[in-house]
Amino acid sequence: MASRFSFTDEALDNLRVYEVSPGEVWEALHSNRRVIRHLGDDVLVVYATAGNGRRLAILLAEADRADHDWDVLSARDLSDIEAKRYDQAVRGPHR
């Protein structure tokens, strides 16, 4: 079953702070080059690349409505260290 993503009003405010568009988040969440890190039972961060090449860290919380429903909380550019780890993860260990 595929995951569904929603933008809360608070998330849209957070995206504006970091100058990230909802379209970039949507593209990154549906990218084939994603790295997912669980931060707890119902919170995760997705490192991914938007269609324009921008690499993002997207914070998600599981929605109360149903399994596989996630609320976008925020998104920002990857830090230098995150970008390095992301590149290593999507390249794989043997490249």
N, C-alpha and C. Protein backbone atom coordinates (compact mmCIF):
# COMPACT_ATOMS: atom_id res chain seq x y z
N MET A 1 0.84 -1.17 0.00
CA MET A 1 0.00 0.00 0.00
C MET A 1 0.89 1.24 0.00
N ALA A 2 0.55 2.21 -0.79
CA ALA A 2 1.33 3.44 -0.90
C ALA A 2 1.01 4.39 0.25
N SER A 3 1.97 5.20 0.59
CA SER A 3 1.75 6.21 1.62
C SER A 3 1.06 7.42 1.03
N ARG A 4 0.29 8.11 1.87
CA ARG A 4 -0.36 9.36 1.47
C ARG A 4 0.21 10.47 2.35
N PHE A 5 0.39 11.64 1.75
CA PHE A 5 1.00 12.76 2.43
C PHE A 5 0.06 13.96 2.41
N SER A 6 -0.01 14.66 3.55
CA SER A 6 -0.85 15.85 3.68
C SER A 6 -0.01 17.00 4.22
N PHE A 7 -0.37 18.21 3.81
CA PHE A 7 0.28 19.41 4.30
C PHE A 7 -0.65 20.11 5.28
N THR A 8 -0.22 20.23 6.52
CA THR A 8 -1.00 20.99 7.49
C THR A 8 -0.74 22.48 7.26
N ASP A 9 -1.60 23.32 7.80
CA ASP A 9 -1.38 24.76 7.70
C ASP A 9 -0.06 25.16 8.34
N GLU A 10 0.25 24.54 9.45
CA GLU A 10 1.53 24.81 10.14
C GLU A 10 2.71 24.40 9.26
N ALA A 11 2.57 23.29 8.58
CA ALA A 11 3.65 22.83 7.68
C ALA A 11 3.86 23.83 6.55
N LEU A 12 2.78 24.32 5.98
CA LEU A 12 2.92 25.30 4.90
C LEU A 12 3.63 26.56 5.39
N ASP A 13 3.35 26.97 6.63
CA ASP A 13 4.06 28.10 7.23
C ASP A 13 5.55 27.78 7.38
N ASN A 14 5.86 26.57 7.84
CA ASN A 14 7.26 26.16 8.01
C ASN A 14 7.99 26.10 6.66
N LEU A 15 7.31 25.64 5.62
CA LEU A 15 7.93 25.59 4.30
C LEU A 15 8.30 26.99 3.83
N ARG A 16 7.42 27.96 4.10
CA ARG A 16 7.72 29.34 3.70
C ARG A 16 8.96 29.87 4.42
N VAL A 17 9.12 29.50 5.69
CA VAL A 17 10.29 29.94 6.47
C VAL A 17 11.57 29.45 5.79
N TYR A 18 11.57 28.22 5.31
CA TYR A 18 12.76 27.62 4.69
C TYR A 18 12.78 27.79 3.18
N GLU A 19 11.80 28.52 2.66
CA GLU A 19 11.71 28.79 1.21
C GLU A 19 11.70 27.51 0.38
N VAL A 20 10.90 26.55 0.85
CA VAL A 20 10.71 25.28 0.14
C VAL A 20 9.27 25.27 -0.35
N SER A 21 9.06 24.89 -1.59
CA SER A 21 7.69 24.86 -2.12
C SER A 21 7.06 23.49 -1.84
N PRO A 22 5.73 23.46 -1.69
CA PRO A 22 5.06 22.17 -1.54
C PRO A 22 5.34 21.24 -2.73
N GLY A 23 5.49 21.80 -3.92
CA GLY A 23 5.81 20.98 -5.09
C GLY A 23 7.14 20.28 -4.95
N GLU A 24 8.15 20.98 -4.41
CA GLU A 24 9.45 20.35 -4.19
C GLU A 24 9.34 19.21 -3.20
N VAL A 25 8.58 19.42 -2.14
CA VAL A 25 8.38 18.37 -1.13
C VAL A 25 7.70 17.17 -1.77
N TRP A 26 6.65 17.41 -2.53
CA TRP A 26 5.91 16.35 -3.19
C TRP A 26 6.82 15.55 -4.11
N GLU A 27 7.61 16.24 -4.93
CA GLU A 27 8.54 15.55 -5.84
C GLU A 27 9.55 14.72 -5.06
N ALA A 28 10.10 15.29 -4.00
CA ALA A 28 11.11 14.58 -3.21
C ALA A 28 10.51 13.34 -2.55
N LEU A 29 9.30 13.47 -2.01
CA LEU A 29 8.67 12.32 -1.35
C LEU A 29 8.37 11.18 -2.32
N HIS A 30 8.23 11.49 -3.59
CA HIS A 30 7.94 10.47 -4.59
C HIS A 30 9.16 10.10 -5.43
N SER A 31 10.32 10.59 -5.03
CA SER A 31 11.56 10.31 -5.73
C SER A 31 11.99 8.85 -5.49
N ASN A 32 12.70 8.31 -6.43
CA ASN A 32 13.29 6.97 -6.25
C ASN A 32 14.54 7.02 -5.38
N ARG A 33 15.07 8.21 -5.17
CA ARG A 33 16.29 8.39 -4.39
C ARG A 33 15.95 8.98 -3.03
N ARG A 34 15.34 8.14 -2.18
CA ARG A 34 14.95 8.56 -0.83
C ARG A 34 15.72 7.76 0.20
N VAL A 35 16.03 8.41 1.29
CA VAL A 35 16.59 7.74 2.45
C VAL A 35 15.66 8.07 3.61
N ILE A 36 15.14 7.04 4.27
CA ILE A 36 14.16 7.24 5.34
C ILE A 36 14.79 6.86 6.67
N ARG A 37 14.67 7.76 7.63
CA ARG A 37 15.18 7.53 8.99
C ARG A 37 14.02 7.66 9.97
N HIS A 38 13.79 6.60 10.73
CA HIS A 38 12.73 6.63 11.74
C HIS A 38 13.26 7.32 12.99
N LEU A 39 12.51 8.31 13.47
CA LEU A 39 12.89 9.05 14.67
C LEU A 39 12.07 8.62 15.87
N GLY A 40 11.18 7.71 15.67
CA GLY A 40 10.29 7.20 16.71
C GLY A 40 9.21 6.38 16.04
N ASP A 41 8.23 5.96 16.81
CA ASP A 41 7.17 5.12 16.26
C ASP A 41 6.34 5.83 15.20
N ASP A 42 6.17 7.13 15.35
CA ASP A 42 5.27 7.82 14.45
C ASP A 42 5.87 9.08 13.82
N VAL A 43 7.20 9.19 13.85
CA VAL A 43 7.89 10.34 13.26
C VAL A 43 9.06 9.84 12.43
N LEU A 44 9.22 10.42 11.26
CA LEU A 44 10.38 10.07 10.45
C LEU A 44 10.85 11.26 9.65
N VAL A 45 12.09 11.16 9.19
CA VAL A 45 12.64 12.18 8.30
C VAL A 45 13.02 11.48 7.01
N VAL A 46 12.67 12.12 5.92
CA VAL A 46 12.99 11.61 4.59
C VAL A 46 14.00 12.55 3.96
N TYR A 47 15.14 12.00 3.55
CA TYR A 47 16.13 12.74 2.79
C TYR A 47 15.90 12.36 1.33
N ALA A 48 15.68 13.35 0.48
CA ALA A 48 15.36 13.04 -0.91
C ALA A 48 15.67 14.25 -1.79
N THR A 49 15.62 14.01 -3.09
CA THR A 49 15.92 15.05 -4.07
C THR A 49 14.66 15.42 -4.84
N ALA A 50 14.38 16.71 -4.91
CA ALA A 50 13.26 17.21 -5.71
C ALA A 50 13.65 17.17 -7.18
N GLY A 51 12.69 17.38 -8.05
CA GLY A 51 12.92 17.34 -9.49
C GLY A 51 13.94 18.36 -9.98
N ASN A 52 14.08 19.48 -9.26
CA ASN A 52 15.04 20.51 -9.64
C ASN A 52 16.44 20.24 -9.10
N GLY A 53 16.63 19.09 -8.42
CA GLY A 53 17.93 18.73 -7.88
C GLY A 53 18.16 19.17 -6.44
N ARG A 54 17.23 19.91 -5.89
CA ARG A 54 17.37 20.38 -4.51
C ARG A 54 17.20 19.20 -3.56
N ARG A 55 18.16 19.03 -2.65
CA ARG A 55 18.14 17.94 -1.69
C ARG A 55 17.52 18.44 -0.39
N LEU A 56 16.51 17.71 0.07
CA LEU A 56 15.71 18.16 1.20
C LEU A 56 15.66 17.13 2.33
N ALA A 57 15.50 17.64 3.54
CA ALA A 57 15.14 16.84 4.71
C ALA A 57 13.69 17.18 5.01
N ILE A 58 12.83 16.17 4.99
CA ILE A 58 11.40 16.38 5.18
C ILE A 58 10.97 15.64 6.44
N LEU A 59 10.41 16.37 7.39
CA LEU A 59 9.96 15.80 8.65
C LEU A 59 8.49 15.44 8.53
N LEU A 60 8.16 14.20 8.88
CA LEU A 60 6.80 13.68 8.77
C LEU A 60 6.34 13.08 10.09
N ALA A 61 5.05 13.20 10.36
CA ALA A 61 4.43 12.54 11.52
C ALA A 61 3.26 11.71 11.02
N GLU A 62 3.12 10.52 11.57
CA GLU A 62 2.01 9.67 11.15
C GLU A 62 0.70 10.33 11.55
N ALA A 63 -0.21 10.42 10.60
CA ALA A 63 -1.52 11.03 10.85
C ALA A 63 -2.37 10.07 11.69
N ASP A 64 -3.29 10.61 12.42
CA ASP A 64 -4.15 9.81 13.28
C ASP A 64 -5.20 9.03 12.50
N ARG A 65 -5.42 9.43 11.27
CA ARG A 65 -6.54 8.87 10.51
C ARG A 65 -6.37 7.40 10.13
N ALA A 66 -5.21 7.02 9.63
CA ALA A 66 -5.05 5.65 9.15
C ALA A 66 -3.57 5.35 8.94
N ASP A 67 -3.26 4.07 8.82
CA ASP A 67 -1.89 3.66 8.49
C ASP A 67 -1.51 4.21 7.13
N HIS A 68 -0.26 4.51 7.00
CA HIS A 68 0.33 4.99 5.75
C HIS A 68 -0.11 6.41 5.38
N ASP A 69 -0.71 7.13 6.31
CA ASP A 69 -1.03 8.53 6.13
C ASP A 69 -0.04 9.34 6.94
N TRP A 70 0.61 10.30 6.29
CA TRP A 70 1.64 11.09 6.95
C TRP A 70 1.37 12.57 6.76
N ASP A 71 1.56 13.33 7.83
CA ASP A 71 1.48 14.78 7.77
C ASP A 71 2.88 15.34 7.61
N VAL A 72 3.06 16.20 6.63
CA VAL A 72 4.33 16.91 6.47
C VAL A 72 4.39 17.97 7.56
N LEU A 73 5.47 17.98 8.33
CA LEU A 73 5.63 18.98 9.39
C LEU A 73 6.51 20.13 8.94
N SER A 74 7.57 19.79 8.21
CA SER A 74 8.53 20.81 7.78
C SER A 74 9.45 20.21 6.72
N ALA A 75 10.16 21.07 6.02
CA ALA A 75 11.18 20.63 5.07
C ALA A 75 12.22 21.74 4.95
N ARG A 76 13.46 21.33 4.74
CA ARG A 76 14.57 22.28 4.61
C ARG A 76 15.65 21.63 3.77
N ASP A 77 16.62 22.45 3.36
CA ASP A 77 17.77 21.92 2.63
C ASP A 77 18.59 21.04 3.56
N LEU A 78 19.22 20.03 2.97
CA LEU A 78 20.12 19.18 3.75
C LEU A 78 21.33 19.99 4.21
N SER A 79 21.80 19.69 5.41
CA SER A 79 23.06 20.28 5.87
C SER A 79 24.19 19.60 5.11
N ASP A 80 25.39 20.13 5.21
CA ASP A 80 26.54 19.53 4.51
C ASP A 80 26.76 18.08 4.94
N ILE A 81 26.67 17.81 6.23
CA ILE A 81 26.88 16.44 6.73
C ILE A 81 25.76 15.52 6.25
N GLU A 82 24.51 16.01 6.30
CA GLU A 82 23.39 15.21 5.82
C GLU A 82 23.54 14.92 4.33
N ALA A 83 23.97 15.91 3.57
CA ALA A 83 24.14 15.74 2.12
C ALA A 83 25.19 14.67 1.84
N LYS A 84 26.27 14.68 2.59
CA LYS A 84 27.33 13.67 2.41
C LYS A 84 26.80 12.27 2.71
N ARG A 85 26.08 12.14 3.82
CA ARG A 85 25.52 10.83 4.18
C ARG A 85 24.46 10.38 3.18
N TYR A 86 23.67 11.32 2.71
CA TYR A 86 22.64 11.01 1.72
C TYR A 86 23.30 10.50 0.43
N ASP A 87 24.32 11.21 -0.03
CA ASP A 87 25.02 10.79 -1.25
C ASP A 87 25.60 9.39 -1.10
N GLN A 88 26.17 9.10 0.06
CA GLN A 88 26.73 7.77 0.29
C GLN A 88 25.64 6.70 0.28
N ALA A 89 24.50 7.02 0.89
CA ALA A 89 23.41 6.05 0.98
C ALA A 89 22.80 5.75 -0.39
N VAL A 90 22.60 6.76 -1.21
CA VAL A 90 21.97 6.50 -2.51
C VAL A 90 22.95 5.91 -3.52
N ARG A 91 24.24 6.15 -3.33
CA ARG A 91 25.26 5.55 -4.19
C ARG A 91 25.45 4.09 -3.86
N GLY A 92 25.31 3.75 -2.60
CA GLY A 92 25.55 2.39 -2.15
C GLY A 92 26.97 2.21 -1.67
N PRO A 93 27.23 1.14 -0.96
CA PRO A 93 28.55 0.93 -0.33
C PRO A 93 29.68 0.60 -1.29
N HIS A 94 29.36 0.17 -2.50
CA HIS A 94 30.40 -0.33 -3.41
C HIS A 94 30.74 0.65 -4.52
N ARG A 95 30.39 1.90 -4.38
CA ARG A 95 30.70 2.87 -5.44
C ARG A 95 31.63 3.92 -4.93
